[in-house]
C-alpha atoms as a PDB file:
ATOM      1  CA  MET A   1     104.051 112.480 109.429  1.00  0.00           C
ATOM      2  CA  ILE A   2     101.223 110.279 108.236  1.00  0.00           C
ATOM      3  CA  PRO A   3      99.570 111.716 105.133  1.00  0.00           C
ATOM      4  CA  PRO A   4      95.810 111.889 104.723  1.00  0.00           C
ATOM      5  CA  PHE A   5      94.176 109.004 102.885  1.00  0.00           C
ATOM      6  CA  ALA A   6      94.733 109.131  99.125  1.00  0.00           C
ATOM      7  CA  ASN A   7      90.975 108.966  98.515  1.00  0.00           C
ATOM      8  CA  ALA A   8      87.634 108.181 100.150  1.00  0.00           C
ATOM      9  CA  GLN A   9      87.643 104.561  98.949  1.00  0.00           C
ATOM     10  CA  ILE A  10      90.932 103.880 100.720  1.00  0.00           C
ATOM     11  CA  GLU A  11      89.677 105.564 103.872  1.00  0.00           C
ATOM     12  CA  ALA A  12      86.531 103.404 103.708  1.00  0.00           C
ATOM     13  CA  ALA A  13      88.714 100.256 103.587  1.00  0.00           C
ATOM     14  CA  PHE A  14      89.783 101.069 107.162  1.00  0.00           C
ATOM     15  CA  ASP A  15      86.186 101.400 108.365  1.00  0.00           C
ATOM     16  CA  LEU A  16      85.878  97.956 109.928  1.00  0.00           C
ATOM     17  CA  PRO A  17      83.396  96.597 112.471  1.00  0.00           C
ATOM     18  CA  ASP A  18      86.283  95.231 114.588  1.00  0.00           C
ATOM     19  CA  PRO A  19      87.954  98.201 116.348  1.00  0.00           C
ATOM     20  CA  GLN A  20      91.081  96.114 117.108  1.00  0.00           C
ATOM     21  CA  ALA A  21      91.536  95.263 113.428  1.00  0.00           C
ATOM     22  CA  CYS A  22      90.989  98.893 112.454  1.00  0.00           C
ATOM     23  CA  ALA A  23      93.526 100.109 115.028  1.00  0.00           C
ATOM     24  CA  GLY A  24      96.039  97.498 113.907  1.00  0.00           C
ATOM     25  CA  LEU A  25      95.694  98.351 110.241  1.00  0.00           C
ATOM     26  CA  LEU A  26      96.050 102.058 111.020  1.00  0.00           C
ATOM     27  CA  ALA A  27      99.196 101.285 113.050  1.00  0.00           C
ATOM     28  CA  LEU A  28     100.626  99.356 110.093  1.00  0.00           C
ATOM     29  CA  ARG A  29      99.677 102.191 107.711  1.00  0.00           C
ATOM     30  CA  GLY A  30     101.499 104.671 109.932  1.00  0.00           C
ATOM     31  CA  LEU A  31     104.515 102.375 110.064  1.00  0.00           C
ATOM     32  CA  VAL A  32     104.572 102.074 106.257  1.00  0.00           C
ATOM     33  CA  PHE A  33     104.715 105.856 105.855  1.00  0.00           C
ATOM     34  CA  ALA A  34     107.206 106.323 108.723  1.00  0.00           C
ATOM     35  CA  THR A  35     109.486 103.642 107.274  1.00  0.00           C
ATOM     36  CA  ALA A  36     109.166 105.120 103.778  1.00  0.00           C
ATOM     37  CA  ALA A  37     110.203 108.532 105.132  1.00  0.00           C
ATOM     38  CA  GLU A  38     113.367 106.900 106.516  1.00  0.00           C
ATOM     39  CA  THR A  39     114.035 105.050 103.242  1.00  0.00           C
ATOM     40  CA  PRO A  40     114.790 107.702 100.600  1.00  0.00           C
ATOM     41  CA  GLU A  41     116.031 105.117  98.108  1.00  0.00           C
ATOM     42  CA  ALA A  42     112.445 103.845  97.795  1.00  0.00           C
ATOM     43  CA  GLY A  43     111.167 107.195  96.562  1.00  0.00           C
ATOM     44  CA  ARG A  44     107.566 108.276  96.969  1.00  0.00           C
ATOM     45  CA  VAL A  45     105.157 105.691  98.337  1.00  0.00           C
ATOM     46  CA  GLU A  46     101.731 105.646  96.739  1.00  0.00           C
ATOM     47  CA  GLU A  47      98.616 104.451  98.537  1.00  0.00           C
ATOM     48  CA  ALA A  48      96.079 102.665  96.338  1.00  0.00           C
ATOM     49  CA  LEU A  49      93.465  99.922  96.495  1.00  0.00           C
ATOM     50  CA  ARG A  50      94.393  96.463  95.243  1.00  0.00           C
ATOM     51  CA  TRP A  51      91.845  93.667  95.590  1.00  0.00           C
ATOM     52  CA  GLY A  52      89.831  96.017  97.794  1.00  0.00           C
ATOM     53  CA  GLN A  53      92.708  96.380 100.262  1.00  0.00           C
ATOM     54  CA  PRO A  54      94.968  99.365 100.962  1.00  0.00           C
ATOM     55  CA  ALA A  55      98.203  98.824  99.058  1.00  0.00           C
ATOM     56  CA  TYR A  56     101.545 100.643  99.136  1.00  0.00           C
ATOM     57  CA  LEU A  57     103.730 100.875  96.044  1.00  0.00           C
ATOM     58  CA  THR A  58     106.882 102.652  94.868  1.00  0.00           C
ATOM     59  CA  PRO A  59     105.671 103.829  91.419  1.00  0.00           C
ATOM     60  CA  GLU A  60     108.406 106.305  90.519  1.00  0.00           C
ATOM     61  CA  ARG A  61     111.534 104.304  91.279  1.00  0.00           C
ATOM     62  CA  LYS A  62     109.878 100.861  91.188  1.00  0.00           C
ATOM     63  CA  THR A  63     112.199  99.710  93.954  1.00  0.00           C
ATOM     64  CA  GLY A  64     109.691  97.792  96.000  1.00  0.00           C
ATOM     65  CA  SER A  65     107.301  94.926  96.176  1.00  0.00           C
ATOM     66  CA  THR A  66     103.686  95.878  96.886  1.00  0.00           C
ATOM     67  CA  LEU A  67     102.540  95.768 100.504  1.00  0.00           C
ATOM     68  CA  ARG A  68      98.833  95.320 101.306  1.00  0.00           C
ATOM     69  CA  LEU A  69      96.878  95.606 104.541  1.00  0.00           C
ATOM     70  CA  GLY A  70      93.827  93.497 105.191  1.00  0.00           C
ATOM     71  CA  VAL A  71      91.778  91.124 107.265  1.00  0.00           C
ATOM     72  CA  PRO A  72      92.534  87.433 106.654  1.00  0.00           C
ATOM     73  CA  LYS A  73      90.373  84.524 107.781  1.00  0.00           C
ATOM     74  CA  SER A  74      92.958  83.294 110.279  1.00  0.00           C
ATOM     75  CA  ALA A  75      93.696  86.508 112.245  1.00  0.00           C
ATOM     76  CA  ARG A  76      92.324  89.961 113.083  1.00  0.00           C
ATOM     77  CA  PHE A  77      94.520  91.765 110.550  1.00  0.00           C
ATOM     78  CA  ALA A  78      97.590  91.206 108.410  1.00  0.00           C
ATOM     79  CA  LEU A  79     100.429  92.717 106.421  1.00  0.00           C
ATOM     80  CA  PHE A  80     100.486  91.034 103.004  1.00  0.00           C
ATOM     81  CA  VAL A  81     103.430  90.779 100.609  1.00  0.00           C
ATOM     82  CA  HIS A  82     103.820  89.197  97.185  1.00  0.00           C
ATOM     83  CA  CYS A  83     103.659  85.454  97.822  1.00  0.00           C
ATOM     84  CA  GLN A  84     106.471  84.641  95.375  1.00  0.00           C
ATOM     85  CA  SER A  85     108.902  87.050  97.007  1.00  0.00           C
ATOM     86  CA  ARG A  86     111.550  86.109  99.580  1.00  0.00           C
ATOM     87  CA  LEU A  87     110.117  88.593 102.111  1.00  0.00           C
ATOM     88  CA  ILE A  88     108.318  86.246 104.525  1.00  0.00           C
ATOM     89  CA  PRO A  89     111.084  83.586 104.546  1.00  0.00           C
ATOM     90  CA  GLU A  90     113.678  86.324 105.199  1.00  0.00           C
ATOM     91  CA  PHE A  91     111.511  87.802 107.957  1.00  0.00           C
ATOM     92  CA  ALA A  92     111.074  84.362 109.562  1.00  0.00           C
ATOM     93  CA  ALA A  93     114.849  83.804 109.467  1.00  0.00           C
ATOM     94  CA  ALA A  94     115.607  87.240 110.932  1.00  0.00           C
ATOM     95  CA  PHE A  95     112.925  87.027 113.637  1.00  0.00           C
ATOM     96  CA  PRO A  96     112.512  83.320 114.513  1.00  0.00           C
ATOM     97  CA  ALA A  97     110.394  84.080 117.595  1.00  0.00           C
ATOM     98  CA  TRP A  98     107.616  85.426 115.359  1.00  0.00           C
ATOM     99  CA  ASP A  99     105.566  82.496 114.112  1.00  0.00           C
ATOM    100  CA  ARG A 100     102.332  84.066 112.859  1.00  0.00           C
ATOM    101  CA  PHE A 101     102.352  83.683 109.081  1.00  0.00           C
ATOM    102  CA  GLU A 102      99.996  82.747 106.320  1.00  0.00           C
ATOM    103  CA  GLY A 103     102.346  80.823 104.076  1.00  0.00           C
ATOM    104  CA  THR A 104     104.675  83.158 102.215  1.00  0.00           C
ATOM    105  CA  ARG A 105     102.089  85.910 101.791  1.00  0.00           C
ATOM    106  CA  ALA A 106     101.310  87.489 105.176  1.00  0.00           C
ATOM    107  CA  VAL A 107     102.343  88.321 108.710  1.00  0.00           C
ATOM    108  CA  LEU A 108      99.339  87.834 110.987  1.00  0.00           C
ATOM    109  CA  PHE A 109      98.247  89.865 114.000  1.00  0.00           C
ATOM    110  CA  ASP A 110      95.517  89.678 116.638  1.00  0.00           C
ATOM    111  CA  ASP A 111      96.311  92.833 118.609  1.00  0.00           C
ATOM    112  CA  PRO A 112      97.526  96.296 117.528  1.00  0.00           C
ATOM    113  CA  ALA A 113     100.182  96.112 120.270  1.00  0.00           C
ATOM    114  CA  GLN A 114     101.886  93.377 118.224  1.00  0.00           C
ATOM    115  CA  VAL A 115     102.838  95.916 115.541  1.00  0.00           C
ATOM    116  CA  GLU A 116     106.434  96.594 116.516  1.00  0.00           C
ATOM    117  CA  PRO A 117     108.396  99.321 114.696  1.00  0.00           C
ATOM    118  CA  ILE A 118     111.719  97.479 114.879  1.00  0.00           C
ATOM    119  CA  ARG A 119     110.507  94.080 113.706  1.00  0.00           C
ATOM    120  CA  HIS A 120     107.734  95.048 111.302  1.00  0.00           C
ATOM    121  CA  GLY A 121     109.473  98.206 110.110  1.00  0.00           C
ATOM    122  CA  TRP A 122     112.327  95.922 109.073  1.00  0.00           C
ATOM    123  CA  LEU A 123     109.949  93.911 106.882  1.00  0.00           C
ATOM    124  CA  ILE A 124     108.378  97.049 105.415  1.00  0.00           C
ATOM    125  CA  LYS A 125     111.793  98.532 104.552  1.00  0.00           C
ATOM    126  CA  ARG A 126     112.843  95.292 102.878  1.00  0.00           C
ATOM    127  CA  ALA A 127     109.609  95.306 100.846  1.00  0.00           C
ATOM    128  CA  LEU A 128     110.072  98.957  99.807  1.00  0.00           C
ATOM    129  CA  THR A 129     113.605  98.199  98.578  1.00  0.00           C
ATOM    130  CA  TYR A 130     113.025  94.637  97.384  1.00  0.00           C
ATOM    131  CA  ARG A 131     114.247  95.162  93.808  1.00  0.00           C
ATOM    132  CA  ILE A 132     117.416  97.111  94.686  1.00  0.00           C
ATOM    133  CA  ARG A 133     118.995  95.018  97.418  1.00  0.00           C
ATOM    134  CA  PRO A 134     120.720  91.670  97.584  1.00  0.00           C
ATOM    135  CA  PRO A 135     119.011  88.715  99.279  1.00  0.00           C
ATOM    136  CA  LEU A 136     119.345  88.581 103.073  1.00  0.00           C
ATOM    137  CA  GLU A 137     122.057  85.904 102.930  1.00  0.00           C
ATOM    138  CA  ALA A 138     124.301  88.102 100.761  1.00  0.00           C
ATOM    139  CA  SER A 139     123.762  91.275 102.820  1.00  0.00           C
ATOM    140  CA  ALA A 140     125.216  89.870 106.048  1.00  0.00           C
END
Protein backbone atom coordinates (compact mmCIF):
# COMPACT_ATOMS: atom_id res chain seq x y z
CA MET A 1 0.00 0.00 0.00
CA ILE A 2 1.29 3.42 -0.93
CA PRO A 3 0.96 5.86 1.96
CA PRO A 4 -0.37 9.38 1.53
CA PHE A 5 2.21 12.11 0.99
CA ALA A 6 4.06 13.05 4.18
CA ASN A 7 3.09 16.70 3.71
CA ALA A 8 1.74 19.23 1.21
CA GLN A 9 5.22 20.36 0.13
CA ILE A 10 6.15 16.83 -0.91
CA GLU A 11 2.87 16.42 -2.75
CA ALA A 12 3.53 19.72 -4.56
CA ALA A 13 6.93 18.38 -5.73
CA PHE A 14 5.01 15.87 -7.87
CA ASP A 15 2.86 18.58 -9.46
CA LEU A 16 4.80 18.89 -12.71
CA PRO A 17 3.80 20.39 -16.06
CA ASP A 18 4.98 17.21 -17.85
CA PRO A 19 2.38 14.46 -17.20
CA GLN A 20 4.86 11.74 -18.27
CA ALA A 21 7.42 12.92 -15.71
CA CYS A 22 4.75 13.12 -13.03
CA ALA A 23 3.51 9.60 -13.81
CA GLY A 24 7.05 8.26 -13.81
CA LEU A 25 7.94 9.84 -10.49
CA LEU A 26 4.72 8.53 -8.95
CA ALA A 27 5.56 5.04 -10.28
CA LEU A 28 9.01 5.27 -8.69
CA ARG A 29 7.48 6.53 -5.42
CA GLY A 30 5.12 3.56 -5.37
CA LEU A 31 8.02 1.21 -6.08
CA VAL A 32 10.05 2.70 -3.21
CA PHE A 33 7.24 2.03 -0.73
CA ALA A 34 6.45 -1.42 -2.18
CA THR A 35 10.12 -2.42 -2.01
CA ALA A 36 10.43 -1.04 1.53
CA ALA A 37 7.44 -3.13 2.60
CA GLU A 38 9.27 -6.22 1.31
CA THR A 39 12.53 -5.20 3.02
CA PRO A 40 11.89 -5.35 6.79
CA GLU A 41 15.59 -5.01 7.60
CA ALA A 42 15.44 -1.42 6.31
CA GLY A 43 12.85 -0.41 8.89
CA ARG A 44 10.46 2.48 8.35
CA VAL A 45 11.03 4.60 5.26
CA GLU A 46 10.55 8.32 5.72
CA GLU A 47 9.53 10.65 2.90
CA ALA A 48 11.06 14.13 3.07
CA LEU A 49 12.24 16.93 0.81
CA ARG A 50 15.95 17.23 0.07
CA TRP A 51 17.10 19.91 -2.36
CA GLY A 52 13.45 20.43 -3.25
CA GLN A 53 13.06 16.80 -4.35
CA PRO A 54 11.16 13.93 -2.71
CA ALA A 55 13.67 11.86 -0.77
CA TYR A 56 13.40 8.48 0.96
CA LEU A 57 15.45 7.68 4.05
CA THR A 58 15.72 4.96 6.70
CA PRO A 59 15.93 7.18 9.83
CA GLU A 60 15.35 4.61 12.56
CA ARG A 61 17.76 1.86 11.54
CA LYS A 62 19.97 4.03 9.30
CA THR A 63 20.47 1.07 6.99
CA GLY A 64 20.14 2.89 3.71
CA SER A 65 21.49 5.51 1.41
CA THR A 66 19.07 8.32 0.56
CA LEU A 67 17.06 7.96 -2.64
CA ARG A 68 15.68 11.07 -4.38
CA LEU A 69 13.23 11.51 -7.24
CA GLY A 70 13.51 14.40 -9.63
CA VAL A 71 13.71 15.88 -13.08
CA PRO A 72 17.25 16.12 -14.50
CA LYS A 73 18.27 18.17 -17.53
CA SER A 74 19.05 15.10 -19.61
CA ALA A 75 15.82 13.06 -19.20
CA ARG A 76 12.15 13.33 -18.24
CA PHE A 77 12.68 12.01 -14.71
CA ALA A 78 15.25 10.18 -12.62
CA LEU A 79 15.99 8.12 -9.54
CA PHE A 80 18.96 9.71 -7.76
CA VAL A 81 21.36 8.04 -5.33
CA HIS A 82 24.36 9.32 -3.40
CA CYS A 83 27.03 9.91 -6.05
CA GLN A 84 29.85 8.48 -3.92
CA SER A 85 28.04 5.21 -3.31
CA ARG A 86 28.58 1.99 -5.28
CA LEU A 87 24.88 1.83 -6.22
CA ILE A 88 24.99 2.95 -9.87
CA PRO A 89 28.14 0.94 -10.75
CA GLU A 90 26.58 -2.16 -9.14
CA PHE A 91 23.31 -1.56 -10.99
CA ALA A 92 25.18 -1.16 -14.30
CA ALA A 93 27.06 -4.42 -13.68
CA ALA A 94 23.89 -6.31 -12.74
CA PHE A 95 21.82 -4.91 -15.62
CA PRO A 96 24.25 -4.19 -18.49
CA ALA A 97 21.43 -3.63 -21.00
CA TRP A 98 20.36 -0.50 -19.10
CA ASP A 99 22.55 2.38 -20.23
CA ARG A 100 20.68 5.49 -19.09
CA PHE A 101 22.75 7.02 -16.29
CA GLU A 102 23.92 10.40 -15.16
CA GLY A 103 27.37 9.51 -13.92
CA THR A 104 27.21 7.71 -10.60
CA ARG A 105 24.24 9.69 -9.31
CA ALA A 106 21.11 8.78 -11.29
CA VAL A 107 19.18 6.31 -13.39
CA LEU A 108 17.41 8.22 -16.17
CA PHE A 109 13.97 7.65 -17.67
CA ASP A 110 11.90 9.12 -20.50
CA ASP A 111 8.73 7.05 -20.11
CA PRO A 112 6.89 5.73 -17.02
CA ALA A 113 6.74 2.30 -18.70
CA GLN A 114 10.52 2.07 -18.22
CA VAL A 115 10.07 1.79 -14.44
CA GLU A 116 10.39 -1.96 -14.02
CA PRO A 117 9.76 -3.53 -10.59
CA ILE A 118 12.38 -6.25 -11.01
CA ARG A 119 15.22 -4.07 -12.26
CA HIS A 120 14.53 -0.81 -10.44
CA GLY A 121 13.18 -2.50 -7.32
CA TRP A 122 16.55 -4.24 -7.13
CA LEU A 123 18.31 -0.87 -7.06
CA ILE A 124 15.89 0.54 -4.49
CA LYS A 125 16.35 -2.48 -2.19
CA ARG A 126 20.12 -2.17 -2.44
CA ALA A 127 19.87 1.53 -1.56
CA LEU A 128 17.58 0.84 1.43
CA THR A 129 20.06 -1.72 2.78
CA TYR A 130 23.27 -0.07 1.60
CA ARG A 131 24.95 0.13 5.02
CA ILE A 132 24.14 -3.43 6.14
CA ARG A 133 25.14 -5.53 3.15
CA PRO A 134 28.39 -6.53 1.53
CA PRO A 135 29.36 -5.10 -1.87
CA LEU A 136 27.83 -6.86 -4.88
CA GLU A 137 31.05 -8.75 -5.65
CA ALA A 138 31.11 -10.34 -2.18
CA SER A 139 27.40 -11.25 -2.16
CA ALA A 140 27.57 -13.56 -5.18
